[in-house]
């Protein structure tokens, strides 16, 4: 699942989510939203890929779900703290 931040024609922040990046773009175009960027990608992967991703300069953080922790998305936590 992909999550994105956009603004509507009144400048109000909106969140978009879709199963694909193309789906995000389609929603933004249909609603005439100004797409500001992808804020979160949610999915399953193996440990070796996650270890490689954590060092990518484009990745701010990786949250990993386990039996005791349910990630909530760091971007949304930041927005809610303002």
PDB file of N, CA and C in Angstrom:
ATOM      1  N   UNK A   1       0.851  -1.161   0.000  1.00  0.00           N
ATOM      2  CA  UNK A   1       0.000   0.000   0.000  1.00  0.00           C
ATOM      3  C   UNK A   1       0.905   1.236   0.000  1.00  0.00           C
ATOM      4  N   UNK A   2       0.530   2.226  -0.768  1.00  0.00           N
ATOM      5  CA  UNK A   2       1.273   3.476  -0.861  1.00  0.00           C
ATOM      6  C   UNK A   2       0.430   4.604  -0.267  1.00  0.00           C
ATOM      7  N   UNK A   3       1.076   5.468   0.492  1.00  0.00           N
ATOM      8  CA  UNK A   3       0.421   6.625   1.104  1.00  0.00           C
ATOM      9  C   UNK A   3       1.133   7.876   0.604  1.00  0.00           C
ATOM     10  N   UNK A   4       0.363   8.927   0.355  1.00  0.00           N
ATOM     11  CA  UNK A   4       0.951  10.155  -0.170  1.00  0.00           C
ATOM     12  C   UNK A   4       0.296  11.366   0.471  1.00  0.00           C
ATOM     13  N   UNK A   5       1.031  12.472   0.426  1.00  0.00           N
ATOM     14  CA  UNK A   5       0.518  13.761   0.893  1.00  0.00           C
ATOM     15  C   UNK A   5       0.240  14.615  -0.336  1.00  0.00           C
ATOM     16  N   UNK A   6      -0.880  15.336  -0.287  1.00  0.00           N
ATOM     17  CA  UNK A   6      -1.248  16.238  -1.381  1.00  0.00           C
ATOM     18  C   UNK A   6      -1.992  17.422  -0.771  1.00  0.00           C
ATOM     19  N   UNK A   7      -2.239  18.434  -1.594  1.00  0.00           N
ATOM     20  CA  UNK A   7      -3.080  19.548  -1.172  1.00  0.00           C
ATOM     21  C   UNK A   7      -4.187  19.711  -2.206  1.00  0.00           C
ATOM     22  N   UNK A   8      -5.357  20.118  -1.702  1.00  0.00           N
ATOM     23  CA  UNK A   8      -6.457  20.348  -2.637  1.00  0.00           C
ATOM     24  C   UNK A   8      -6.393  21.779  -3.152  1.00  0.00           C
ATOM     25  N   UNK A   9      -7.381  22.193  -3.954  1.00  0.00           N
ATOM     26  CA  UNK A   9      -7.345  23.528  -4.566  1.00  0.00           C
ATOM     27  C   UNK A   9      -7.513  24.656  -3.552  1.00  0.00           C
ATOM     28  N   UNK A  10      -7.866  24.312  -2.310  1.00  0.00           N
ATOM     29  CA  UNK A  10      -7.966  25.310  -1.239  1.00  0.00           C
ATOM     30  C   UNK A  10      -6.705  25.344  -0.371  1.00  0.00           C
ATOM     31  N   UNK A  11      -5.722  24.517  -0.718  1.00  0.00           N
ATOM     32  CA  UNK A  11      -4.481  24.465   0.043  1.00  0.00           C
ATOM     33  C   UNK A  11      -4.541  23.601   1.285  1.00  0.00           C
ATOM     34  N   UNK A  12      -5.612  22.827   1.433  1.00  0.00           N
ATOM     35  CA  UNK A  12      -5.771  21.951   2.596  1.00  0.00           C
ATOM     36  C   UNK A  12      -5.035  20.640   2.342  1.00  0.00           C
ATOM     37  N   UNK A  13      -4.269  20.175   3.340  1.00  0.00           N
ATOM     38  CA  UNK A  13      -3.548  18.908   3.227  1.00  0.00           C
ATOM     39  C   UNK A  13      -4.530  17.746   3.185  1.00  0.00           C
ATOM     40  N   UNK A  14      -4.274  16.825   2.286  1.00  0.00           N
ATOM     41  CA  UNK A  14      -5.063  15.598   2.197  1.00  0.00           C
ATOM     42  C   UNK A  14      -4.118  14.417   2.085  1.00  0.00           C
ATOM     43  N   UNK A  15      -4.571  13.272   2.538  1.00  0.00           N
ATOM     44  CA  UNK A  15      -3.804  12.041   2.402  1.00  0.00           C
ATOM     45  C   UNK A  15      -4.459  11.176   1.340  1.00  0.00           C
ATOM     46  N   UNK A  16      -3.641  10.518   0.556  1.00  0.00           N
ATOM     47  CA  UNK A  16      -4.113   9.609  -0.489  1.00  0.00           C
ATOM     48  C   UNK A  16      -3.481   8.250  -0.220  1.00  0.00           C
ATOM     49  N   UNK A  17      -4.243   7.187  -0.431  1.00  0.00           N
ATOM     50  CA  UNK A  17      -3.628   5.864  -0.365  1.00  0.00           C
ATOM     51  C   UNK A  17      -4.174   5.011  -1.502  1.00  0.00           C
ATOM     52  N   UNK A  18      -3.316   4.140  -2.017  1.00  0.00           N
ATOM     53  CA  UNK A  18      -3.682   3.253  -3.115  1.00  0.00           C
ATOM     54  C   UNK A  18      -2.736   2.057  -3.110  1.00  0.00           C
ATOM     55  N   UNK A  19      -3.123   1.033  -3.840  1.00  0.00           N
ATOM     56  CA  UNK A  19      -2.297  -0.176  -3.885  1.00  0.00           C
ATOM     57  C   UNK A  19      -1.072  -0.031  -4.775  1.00  0.00           C
ATOM     58  N   UNK A  20      -1.060   0.977  -5.642  1.00  0.00           N
ATOM     59  CA  UNK A  20       0.084   1.179  -6.531  1.00  0.00           C
ATOM     60  C   UNK A  20       0.441   2.662  -6.592  1.00  0.00           C
ATOM     61  N   UNK A  21       1.652   2.947  -7.025  1.00  0.00           N
ATOM     62  CA  UNK A  21       2.061   4.343  -7.220  1.00  0.00           C
ATOM     63  C   UNK A  21       1.216   4.969  -8.322  1.00  0.00           C
ATOM     64  N   UNK A  22       0.928   4.202  -9.370  1.00  0.00           N
ATOM     65  CA  UNK A  22       0.065   4.723 -10.432  1.00  0.00           C
ATOM     66  C   UNK A  22      -1.312   5.083  -9.889  1.00  0.00           C
ATOM     67  N   UNK A  23      -1.802   4.293  -8.939  1.00  0.00           N
ATOM     68  CA  UNK A  23      -3.092   4.585  -8.313  1.00  0.00           C
ATOM     69  C   UNK A  23      -3.070   5.912  -7.571  1.00  0.00           C
ATOM     70  N   UNK A  24      -1.959   6.213  -6.920  1.00  0.00           N
ATOM     71  CA  UNK A  24      -1.804   7.505  -6.234  1.00  0.00           C
ATOM     72  C   UNK A  24      -1.905   8.634  -7.253  1.00  0.00           C
ATOM     73  N   UNK A  25      -1.181   8.501  -8.347  1.00  0.00           N
ATOM     74  CA  UNK A  25      -1.194   9.538  -9.390  1.00  0.00           C
ATOM     75  C   UNK A  25      -2.587   9.706  -9.998  1.00  0.00           C
ATOM     76  N   UNK A  26      -3.266   8.598 -10.248  1.00  0.00           N
ATOM     77  CA  UNK A  26      -4.616   8.667 -10.816  1.00  0.00           C
ATOM     78  C   UNK A  26      -5.570   9.421  -9.895  1.00  0.00           C
ATOM     79  N   UNK A  27      -5.531   9.113  -8.612  1.00  0.00           N
ATOM     80  CA  UNK A  27      -6.406   9.794  -7.650  1.00  0.00           C
ATOM     81  C   UNK A  27      -6.091  11.282  -7.613  1.00  0.00           C
ATOM     82  N   UNK A  28      -4.802  11.613  -7.539  1.00  0.00           N
ATOM     83  CA  UNK A  28      -4.403  13.024  -7.484  1.00  0.00           C
ATOM     84  C   UNK A  28      -4.879  13.765  -8.738  1.00  0.00           C
ATOM     85  N   UNK A  29      -4.725  13.146  -9.898  1.00  0.00           N
ATOM     86  CA  UNK A  29      -5.155  13.784 -11.145  1.00  0.00           C
ATOM     87  C   UNK A  29      -6.672  13.940 -11.213  1.00  0.00           C
ATOM     88  N   UNK A  30      -7.400  12.881 -10.845  1.00  0.00           N
ATOM     89  CA  UNK A  30      -8.868  12.926 -10.898  1.00  0.00           C
ATOM     90  C   UNK A  30      -9.435  13.994  -9.963  1.00  0.00           C
ATOM     91  N   UNK A  31      -8.833  14.118  -8.779  1.00  0.00           N
ATOM     92  CA  UNK A  31      -9.330  15.060  -7.777  1.00  0.00           C
ATOM     93  C   UNK A  31      -8.708  16.451  -7.923  1.00  0.00           C
ATOM     94  N   UNK A  32      -7.780  16.573  -8.883  1.00  0.00           N
ATOM     95  CA  UNK A  32      -7.053  17.827  -9.105  1.00  0.00           C
ATOM     96  C   UNK A  32      -6.269  18.259  -7.854  1.00  0.00           C
ATOM     97  N   UNK A  33      -5.687  17.269  -7.184  1.00  0.00           N
ATOM     98  CA  UNK A  33      -4.831  17.520  -6.030  1.00  0.00           C
ATOM     99  C   UNK A  33      -3.413  17.804  -6.502  1.00  0.00           C
ATOM    100  N   UNK A  34      -2.676  18.613  -5.743  1.00  0.00           N
ATOM    101  CA  UNK A  34      -1.264  18.834  -5.982  1.00  0.00           C
ATOM    102  C   UNK A  34      -0.502  17.777  -5.169  1.00  0.00           C
ATOM    103  N   UNK A  35       0.017  16.778  -5.834  1.00  0.00           N
ATOM    104  CA  UNK A  35       0.723  15.680  -5.165  1.00  0.00           C
ATOM    105  C   UNK A  35       2.073  16.173  -4.673  1.00  0.00           C
ATOM    106  N   UNK A  36       2.318  16.050  -3.367  1.00  0.00           N
ATOM    107  CA  UNK A  36       3.568  16.528  -2.787  1.00  0.00           C
ATOM    108  C   UNK A  36       4.588  15.417  -2.574  1.00  0.00           C
ATOM    109  N   UNK A  37       4.131  14.180  -2.475  1.00  0.00           N
ATOM    110  CA  UNK A  37       5.090  13.094  -2.346  1.00  0.00           C
ATOM    111  C   UNK A  37       4.538  11.888  -1.620  1.00  0.00           C
ATOM    112  N   UNK A  38       5.258  10.794  -1.773  1.00  0.00           N
ATOM    113  CA  UNK A  38       4.924   9.548  -1.091  1.00  0.00           C
ATOM    114  C   UNK A  38       5.441   9.651   0.339  1.00  0.00           C
ATOM    115  N   UNK A  39       4.591   9.338   1.299  1.00  0.00           N
ATOM    116  CA  UNK A  39       4.994   9.447   2.699  1.00  0.00           C
ATOM    117  C   UNK A  39       5.233   8.096   3.359  1.00  0.00           C
ATOM    118  N   UNK A  40       4.659   7.041   2.780  1.00  0.00           N
ATOM    119  CA  UNK A  40       4.807   5.733   3.409  1.00  0.00           C
ATOM    120  C   UNK A  40       4.521   4.645   2.395  1.00  0.00           C
ATOM    121  N   UNK A  41       5.286   3.563   2.486  1.00  0.00           N
ATOM    122  CA  UNK A  41       5.035   2.370   1.695  1.00  0.00           C
ATOM    123  C   UNK A  41       4.901   1.230   2.681  1.00  0.00           C
ATOM    124  N   UNK A  42       3.831   0.477   2.563  1.00  0.00           N
ATOM    125  CA  UNK A  42       3.574  -0.618   3.494  1.00  0.00           C
ATOM    126  C   UNK A  42       3.531  -1.923   2.724  1.00  0.00           C
ATOM    127  N   UNK A  43       4.262  -2.927   3.192  1.00  0.00           N
ATOM    128  CA  UNK A  43       4.250  -4.207   2.504  1.00  0.00           C
ATOM    129  C   UNK A  43       5.114  -5.223   3.224  1.00  0.00           C
ATOM    130  N   UNK A  44       5.278  -6.344   2.611  1.00  0.00           N
ATOM    131  CA  UNK A  44       6.074  -7.428   3.175  1.00  0.00           C
ATOM    132  C   UNK A  44       7.361  -7.578   2.374  1.00  0.00           C
ATOM    133  N   UNK A  45       8.447  -7.855   3.080  1.00  0.00           N
ATOM    134  CA  UNK A  45       9.713  -8.117   2.405  1.00  0.00           C
ATOM    135  C   UNK A  45      10.576  -8.955   3.321  1.00  0.00           C
ATOM    136  N   UNK A  46      11.661  -9.487   2.778  1.00  0.00           N
ATOM    137  CA  UNK A  46      12.542 -10.301   3.610  1.00  0.00           C
ATOM    138  C   UNK A  46      13.583  -9.410   4.307  1.00  0.00           C
ATOM    139  N   UNK A  47      14.190  -9.938   5.317  1.00  0.00           N
ATOM    140  CA  UNK A  47      15.118  -9.182   6.158  1.00  0.00           C
ATOM    141  C   UNK A  47      16.297  -8.625   5.378  1.00  0.00           C
ATOM    142  N   UNK A  48      16.846  -9.380   4.453  1.00  0.00           N
ATOM    143  CA  UNK A  48      18.019  -8.899   3.710  1.00  0.00           C
ATOM    144  C   UNK A  48      17.672  -7.658   2.877  1.00  0.00           C
ATOM    145  N   UNK A  49      16.500  -7.620   2.276  1.00  0.00           N
ATOM    146  CA  UNK A  49      16.103  -6.429   1.519  1.00  0.00           C
ATOM    147  C   UNK A  49      15.885  -5.231   2.440  1.00  0.00           C
ATOM    148  N   UNK A  50      15.284  -5.455   3.594  1.00  0.00           N
ATOM    149  CA  UNK A  50      15.067  -4.362   4.542  1.00  0.00           C
ATOM    150  C   UNK A  50      16.395  -3.795   5.040  1.00  0.00           C
ATOM    151  N   UNK A  51      17.372  -4.656   5.274  1.00  0.00           N
ATOM    152  CA  UNK A  51      18.690  -4.188   5.707  1.00  0.00           C
ATOM    153  C   UNK A  51      19.340  -3.315   4.632  1.00  0.00           C
ATOM    154  N   UNK A  52      19.176  -3.694   3.358  1.00  0.00           N
ATOM    155  CA  UNK A  52      19.717  -2.881   2.258  1.00  0.00           C
ATOM    156  C   UNK A  52      18.989  -1.535   2.169  1.00  0.00           C
ATOM    157  N   UNK A  53      17.672  -1.552   2.326  1.00  0.00           N
ATOM    158  CA  UNK A  53      16.888  -0.328   2.224  1.00  0.00           C
ATOM    159  C   UNK A  53      17.227   0.691   3.305  1.00  0.00           C
ATOM    160  N   UNK A  54      17.546   0.224   4.494  1.00  0.00           N
ATOM    161  CA  UNK A  54      17.795   1.162   5.598  1.00  0.00           C
ATOM    162  C   UNK A  54      18.992   2.071   5.321  1.00  0.00           C
ATOM    163  N   UNK A  55      19.874   1.679   4.416  1.00  0.00           N
ATOM    164  CA  UNK A  55      21.034   2.498   4.085  1.00  0.00           C
ATOM    165  C   UNK A  55      20.825   3.385   2.850  1.00  0.00           C
ATOM    166  N   UNK A  56      19.678   3.265   2.195  1.00  0.00           N
ATOM    167  CA  UNK A  56      19.405   4.085   1.007  1.00  0.00           C
ATOM    168  C   UNK A  56      19.155   5.531   1.429  1.00  0.00           C
ATOM    169  N   UNK A  57      19.757   6.481   0.720  1.00  0.00           N
ATOM    170  CA  UNK A  57      19.624   7.884   1.098  1.00  0.00           C
ATOM    171  C   UNK A  57      18.195   8.398   0.953  1.00  0.00           C
ATOM    172  N   UNK A  58      17.385   7.751   0.105  1.00  0.00           N
ATOM    173  CA  UNK A  58      16.003   8.183  -0.083  1.00  0.00           C
ATOM    174  C   UNK A  58      15.067   7.712   1.032  1.00  0.00           C
ATOM    175  N   UNK A  59      15.532   6.779   1.860  1.00  0.00           N
ATOM    176  CA  UNK A  59      14.693   6.199   2.911  1.00  0.00           C
ATOM    177  C   UNK A  59      15.015   6.876   4.232  1.00  0.00           C
ATOM    178  N   UNK A  60      13.978   7.475   4.832  1.00  0.00           N
ATOM    179  CA  UNK A  60      14.173   8.146   6.121  1.00  0.00           C
ATOM    180  C   UNK A  60      14.178   7.146   7.266  1.00  0.00           C
ATOM    181  N   UNK A  61      13.249   6.220   7.266  1.00  0.00           N
ATOM    182  CA  UNK A  61      13.144   5.252   8.359  1.00  0.00           C
ATOM    183  C   UNK A  61      12.384   4.029   7.879  1.00  0.00           C
ATOM    184  N   UNK A  62      12.622   2.932   8.537  1.00  0.00           N
ATOM    185  CA  UNK A  62      11.889   1.694   8.299  1.00  0.00           C
ATOM    186  C   UNK A  62      11.330   1.246   9.642  1.00  0.00           C
ATOM    187  N   UNK A  63      10.034   1.018   9.677  1.00  0.00           N
ATOM    188  CA  UNK A  63       9.398   0.462  10.869  1.00  0.00           C
ATOM    189  C   UNK A  63       9.037  -0.981  10.553  1.00  0.00           C
ATOM    190  N   UNK A  64       9.352  -1.876  11.465  1.00  0.00           N
ATOM    191  CA  UNK A  64       9.108  -3.296  11.231  1.00  0.00           C
ATOM    192  C   UNK A  64       8.097  -3.813  12.248  1.00  0.00           C
ATOM    193  N   UNK A  65       7.093  -4.503  11.728  1.00  0.00           N
ATOM    194  CA  UNK A  65       6.045  -5.076  12.570  1.00  0.00           C
ATOM    195  C   UNK A  65       6.526  -6.403  13.137  1.00  0.00           C
ATOM    196  N   UNK A  66       6.190  -6.633  14.397  1.00  0.00           N
ATOM    197  CA  UNK A  66       6.394  -7.946  14.991  1.00  0.00           C
ATOM    198  C   UNK A  66       5.218  -8.236  15.927  1.00  0.00           C
ATOM    199  N   UNK A  67       5.361  -9.233  16.768  1.00  0.00           N
ATOM    200  CA  UNK A  67       4.253  -9.637  17.636  1.00  0.00           C
ATOM    201  C   UNK A  67       3.858  -8.553  18.644  1.00  0.00           C
ATOM    202  N   UNK A  68       4.797  -7.662  18.987  1.00  0.00           N
ATOM    203  CA  UNK A  68       4.537  -6.656  20.015  1.00  0.00           C
ATOM    204  C   UNK A  68       4.466  -5.233  19.472  1.00  0.00           C
ATOM    205  N   UNK A  69       4.742  -5.015  18.198  1.00  0.00           N
ATOM    206  CA  UNK A  69       4.812  -3.648  17.663  1.00  0.00           C
ATOM    207  C   UNK A  69       4.050  -3.552  16.349  1.00  0.00           C
ATOM    208  N   UNK A  70       3.152  -2.586  16.270  1.00  0.00           N
ATOM    209  CA  UNK A  70       2.412  -2.297  15.038  1.00  0.00           C
ATOM    210  C   UNK A  70       2.833  -0.915  14.555  1.00  0.00           C
ATOM    211  N   UNK A  71       3.597  -0.813  13.470  1.00  0.00           N
ATOM    212  CA  UNK A  71       4.016   0.497  12.965  1.00  0.00           C
ATOM    213  C   UNK A  71       2.813   1.389  12.636  1.00  0.00           C
ATOM    214  N   UNK A  72       2.970   2.686  12.890  1.00  0.00           N
ATOM    215  CA  UNK A  72       1.891   3.623  12.628  1.00  0.00           C
ATOM    216  C   UNK A  72       2.292   4.670  11.587  1.00  0.00           C
ATOM    217  N   UNK A  73       3.498   4.628  11.105  1.00  0.00           N
ATOM    218  CA  UNK A  73       3.936   5.604  10.113  1.00  0.00           C
ATOM    219  C   UNK A  73       4.504   6.843  10.780  1.00  0.00           C
ATOM    220  N   UNK A  74       5.778   7.067  10.608  1.00  0.00           N
ATOM    221  CA  UNK A  74       6.438   8.197  11.254  1.00  0.00           C
ATOM    222  C   UNK A  74       5.939   9.531  10.726  1.00  0.00           C
ATOM    223  N   UNK A  75       5.606   9.609   9.445  1.00  0.00           N
ATOM    224  CA  UNK A  75       5.147  10.866   8.863  1.00  0.00           C
ATOM    225  C   UNK A  75       3.857  11.330   9.537  1.00  0.00           C
ATOM    226  N   UNK A  76       2.921  10.409   9.725  1.00  0.00           N
ATOM    227  CA  UNK A  76       1.651  10.783  10.354  1.00  0.00           C
ATOM    228  C   UNK A  76       1.853  11.194  11.809  1.00  0.00           C
ATOM    229  N   UNK A  77       2.792  10.563  12.484  1.00  0.00           N
ATOM    230  CA  UNK A  77       3.101  10.969  13.860  1.00  0.00           C
ATOM    231  C   UNK A  77       3.640  12.395  13.881  1.00  0.00           C
ATOM    232  N   UNK A  78       4.497  12.734  12.923  1.00  0.00           N
ATOM    233  CA  UNK A  78       5.052  14.080  12.833  1.00  0.00           C
ATOM    234  C   UNK A  78       3.950  15.107  12.556  1.00  0.00           C
ATOM    235  N   UNK A  79       3.080  14.812  11.607  1.00  0.00           N
ATOM    236  CA  UNK A  79       1.992  15.738  11.263  1.00  0.00           C
ATOM    237  C   UNK A  79       1.056  15.950  12.448  1.00  0.00           C
ATOM    238  N   UNK A  80       0.758  14.897  13.203  1.00  0.00           N
ATOM    239  CA  UNK A  80      -0.143  15.001  14.350  1.00  0.00           C
ATOM    240  C   UNK A  80       0.485  15.783  15.499  1.00  0.00           C
ATOM    241  N   UNK A  81       1.810  15.865  15.540  1.00  0.00           N
ATOM    242  CA  UNK A  81       2.479  16.557  16.647  1.00  0.00           C
ATOM    243  C   UNK A  81       2.507  18.069  16.463  1.00  0.00           C
ATOM    244  N   UNK A  82       2.135  18.557  15.272  1.00  0.00           N
ATOM    245  CA  UNK A  82       2.183  20.008  14.998  1.00  0.00           C
ATOM    246  C   UNK A  82       1.002  20.724  15.605  1.00  0.00           C
TER     247      UNK A  82
END
